[in-house]
Amino acid sequence: MKIAFYGSSLLSSYWNGAATYYRGILEQLARHGHRIAFYEPDAFDRQQHRDIDPPDWRAWWSIPPRQTR
């Protein structure tokens, strides 16, 4: 099964306590044969505070912030 997951961040736990839960749940789903895509906003400087490198069991995308007028 292909699973698209939208969350605050997979690679950074900076102001994001849920990152460890995302990592554990999604890694186990990938081990069971599911294909994981994780989408996260580029917000709160999380991209500059990564705890881990992108894991090999997932596809990952950072969504740039929208420009305000």
N, C-alpha and C. Protein backbone atom coordinates (compact mmCIF):
# COMPACT_ATOMS: atom_id res chain seq x y z
N MET A 1 0.85 -1.17 0.00
CA MET A 1 0.00 0.00 0.00
C MET A 1 0.90 1.24 0.00
N LYS A 2 0.50 2.25 -0.73
CA LYS A 2 1.20 3.54 -0.72
C LYS A 2 0.52 4.44 0.30
N ILE A 3 1.32 5.03 1.17
CA ILE A 3 0.78 5.89 2.21
C ILE A 3 1.44 7.26 2.11
N ALA A 4 0.63 8.31 1.96
CA ALA A 4 1.12 9.69 2.00
C ALA A 4 0.80 10.23 3.39
N PHE A 5 1.82 10.74 4.05
CA PHE A 5 1.67 11.21 5.41
C PHE A 5 2.05 12.69 5.45
N TYR A 6 1.20 13.51 6.02
CA TYR A 6 1.45 14.94 6.18
C TYR A 6 1.63 15.21 7.67
N GLY A 7 2.81 15.70 8.05
CA GLY A 7 3.08 15.95 9.45
C GLY A 7 3.99 17.14 9.64
N SER A 8 4.20 17.52 10.89
CA SER A 8 5.00 18.71 11.16
C SER A 8 6.47 18.52 10.80
N SER A 9 7.05 17.36 11.06
CA SER A 9 8.41 17.06 10.60
C SER A 9 8.76 15.62 10.93
N LEU A 10 9.44 14.98 10.01
CA LEU A 10 9.97 13.64 10.23
C LEU A 10 11.43 13.71 10.64
N LEU A 11 12.15 14.70 10.11
CA LEU A 11 13.60 14.78 10.29
C LEU A 11 14.03 15.63 11.47
N SER A 12 13.13 16.36 12.08
CA SER A 12 13.50 17.25 13.18
C SER A 12 12.49 17.16 14.31
N SER A 13 12.99 17.04 15.53
CA SER A 13 12.11 17.08 16.69
C SER A 13 12.11 18.46 17.34
N TYR A 14 12.73 19.43 16.67
CA TYR A 14 12.78 20.81 17.15
C TYR A 14 11.36 21.37 17.19
N TRP A 15 10.84 21.67 18.37
CA TRP A 15 9.47 22.10 18.57
C TRP A 15 8.48 21.11 17.96
N ASN A 16 8.81 19.84 18.04
CA ASN A 16 8.00 18.82 17.38
C ASN A 16 8.16 17.49 18.11
N GLY A 17 7.50 17.34 19.22
CA GLY A 17 7.61 16.11 19.99
C GLY A 17 7.05 14.89 19.29
N ALA A 18 6.23 15.09 18.28
CA ALA A 18 5.63 13.96 17.57
C ALA A 18 6.60 13.29 16.60
N ALA A 19 7.75 13.89 16.34
CA ALA A 19 8.69 13.33 15.35
C ALA A 19 9.07 11.89 15.68
N THR A 20 9.32 11.59 16.93
CA THR A 20 9.72 10.22 17.29
C THR A 20 8.58 9.23 17.05
N TYR A 21 7.35 9.67 17.26
CA TYR A 21 6.21 8.79 16.97
C TYR A 21 6.08 8.56 15.47
N TYR A 22 6.19 9.63 14.69
CA TYR A 22 6.14 9.49 13.23
C TYR A 22 7.19 8.50 12.75
N ARG A 23 8.42 8.66 13.24
CA ARG A 23 9.53 7.80 12.80
C ARG A 23 9.25 6.34 13.11
N GLY A 24 8.80 6.06 14.31
CA GLY A 24 8.56 4.67 14.70
C GLY A 24 7.42 4.03 13.93
N ILE A 25 6.31 4.73 13.85
CA ILE A 25 5.14 4.18 13.15
C ILE A 25 5.43 3.97 11.67
N LEU A 26 6.01 4.99 11.03
CA LEU A 26 6.23 4.90 9.59
C LEU A 26 7.33 3.91 9.24
N GLU A 27 8.34 3.80 10.08
CA GLU A 27 9.38 2.80 9.82
C GLU A 27 8.81 1.39 9.88
N GLN A 28 7.96 1.13 10.85
CA GLN A 28 7.36 -0.20 10.95
C GLN A 28 6.42 -0.49 9.77
N LEU A 29 5.67 0.51 9.34
CA LEU A 29 4.82 0.32 8.16
C LEU A 29 5.68 -0.01 6.94
N ALA A 30 6.81 0.68 6.79
CA ALA A 30 7.71 0.42 5.67
C ALA A 30 8.30 -1.00 5.76
N ARG A 31 8.63 -1.44 6.95
CA ARG A 31 9.16 -2.80 7.12
C ARG A 31 8.15 -3.87 6.74
N HIS A 32 6.89 -3.51 6.83
CA HIS A 32 5.83 -4.45 6.44
C HIS A 32 5.44 -4.31 4.97
N GLY A 33 6.26 -3.60 4.21
CA GLY A 33 6.07 -3.55 2.77
C GLY A 33 5.32 -2.35 2.23
N HIS A 34 4.89 -1.44 3.08
CA HIS A 34 4.18 -0.26 2.60
C HIS A 34 5.18 0.78 2.09
N ARG A 35 4.77 1.54 1.10
CA ARG A 35 5.61 2.62 0.55
C ARG A 35 5.17 3.92 1.20
N ILE A 36 6.12 4.61 1.83
CA ILE A 36 5.82 5.80 2.62
C ILE A 36 6.30 7.05 1.91
N ALA A 37 5.43 8.05 1.82
CA ALA A 37 5.80 9.40 1.38
C ALA A 37 5.44 10.35 2.51
N PHE A 38 6.41 11.14 2.95
CA PHE A 38 6.18 12.06 4.06
C PHE A 38 6.34 13.49 3.56
N TYR A 39 5.33 14.31 3.80
CA TYR A 39 5.34 15.71 3.41
C TYR A 39 5.33 16.56 4.67
N GLU A 40 6.24 17.53 4.72
CA GLU A 40 6.30 18.39 5.89
C GLU A 40 6.50 19.84 5.47
N PRO A 41 5.92 20.77 6.22
CA PRO A 41 6.12 22.19 5.89
C PRO A 41 7.51 22.64 6.31
N ASP A 42 8.06 23.56 5.57
CA ASP A 42 9.34 24.17 5.95
C ASP A 42 9.00 25.33 6.88
N ALA A 43 8.84 25.02 8.16
CA ALA A 43 8.37 26.01 9.13
C ALA A 43 9.19 25.94 10.41
N PHE A 44 9.24 27.03 11.14
CA PHE A 44 9.87 27.11 12.45
C PHE A 44 11.34 26.71 12.45
N ASP A 45 12.02 26.92 11.33
CA ASP A 45 13.45 26.59 11.21
C ASP A 45 13.75 25.11 11.45
N ARG A 46 12.76 24.25 11.29
CA ARG A 46 13.00 22.83 11.53
C ARG A 46 14.01 22.24 10.55
N GLN A 47 14.05 22.75 9.32
CA GLN A 47 14.99 22.21 8.34
C GLN A 47 16.44 22.47 8.77
N GLN A 48 16.67 23.50 9.55
CA GLN A 48 18.01 23.81 10.04
C GLN A 48 18.34 23.06 11.33
N HIS A 49 17.37 22.37 11.91
CA HIS A 49 17.56 21.66 13.18
C HIS A 49 17.23 20.17 13.03
N ARG A 50 17.73 19.55 12.01
CA ARG A 50 17.44 18.12 11.79
C ARG A 50 18.17 17.26 12.80
N ASP A 51 17.47 16.23 13.28
CA ASP A 51 18.06 15.25 14.20
C ASP A 51 18.64 14.06 13.44
N ILE A 52 18.04 13.75 12.30
CA ILE A 52 18.45 12.58 11.53
C ILE A 52 18.53 12.95 10.05
N ASP A 53 19.27 12.15 9.31
CA ASP A 53 19.26 12.25 7.86
C ASP A 53 17.99 11.57 7.35
N PRO A 54 17.55 11.90 6.15
CA PRO A 54 16.35 11.23 5.64
C PRO A 54 16.55 9.71 5.60
N PRO A 55 15.66 8.95 6.23
CA PRO A 55 15.78 7.49 6.23
C PRO A 55 15.59 6.92 4.83
N ASP A 56 16.20 5.78 4.59
CA ASP A 56 16.12 5.17 3.25
C ASP A 56 14.78 4.48 2.99
N TRP A 57 13.93 4.34 4.00
CA TRP A 57 12.67 3.62 3.83
C TRP A 57 11.52 4.53 3.42
N ARG A 58 11.78 5.78 3.11
CA ARG A 58 10.69 6.69 2.81
C ARG A 58 11.07 7.65 1.67
N ALA A 59 10.07 8.24 1.08
CA ALA A 59 10.25 9.40 0.21
C ALA A 59 9.87 10.60 1.07
N TRP A 60 10.60 11.70 0.92
CA TRP A 60 10.38 12.85 1.80
C TRP A 60 10.38 14.13 0.98
N TRP A 61 9.46 15.03 1.30
CA TRP A 61 9.39 16.32 0.64
C TRP A 61 9.16 17.40 1.68
N SER A 62 9.85 18.51 1.49
CA SER A 62 9.61 19.69 2.30
C SER A 62 8.75 20.64 1.48
N ILE A 63 7.68 21.12 2.08
CA ILE A 63 6.76 22.01 1.40
C ILE A 63 7.14 23.44 1.77
N PRO A 64 7.54 24.27 0.79
CA PRO A 64 7.94 25.64 1.12
C PRO A 64 6.76 26.46 1.64
N PRO A 65 7.06 27.44 2.49
CA PRO A 65 5.97 28.28 3.01
C PRO A 65 5.35 29.12 1.90
N ARG A 66 4.09 29.42 2.06
CA ARG A 66 3.41 30.27 1.08
C ARG A 66 3.86 31.71 1.30
N GLN A 67 3.98 32.41 0.22
CA GLN A 67 4.33 33.82 0.29
C GLN A 67 3.09 34.63 0.63
N THR A 68 3.23 35.53 1.59
CA THR A 68 2.10 36.40 1.93
C THR A 68 2.23 37.69 1.14
N ARG A 69 1.13 38.29 0.90
CA ARG A 69 1.14 39.54 0.12
C ARG A 69 1.26 40.73 1.00
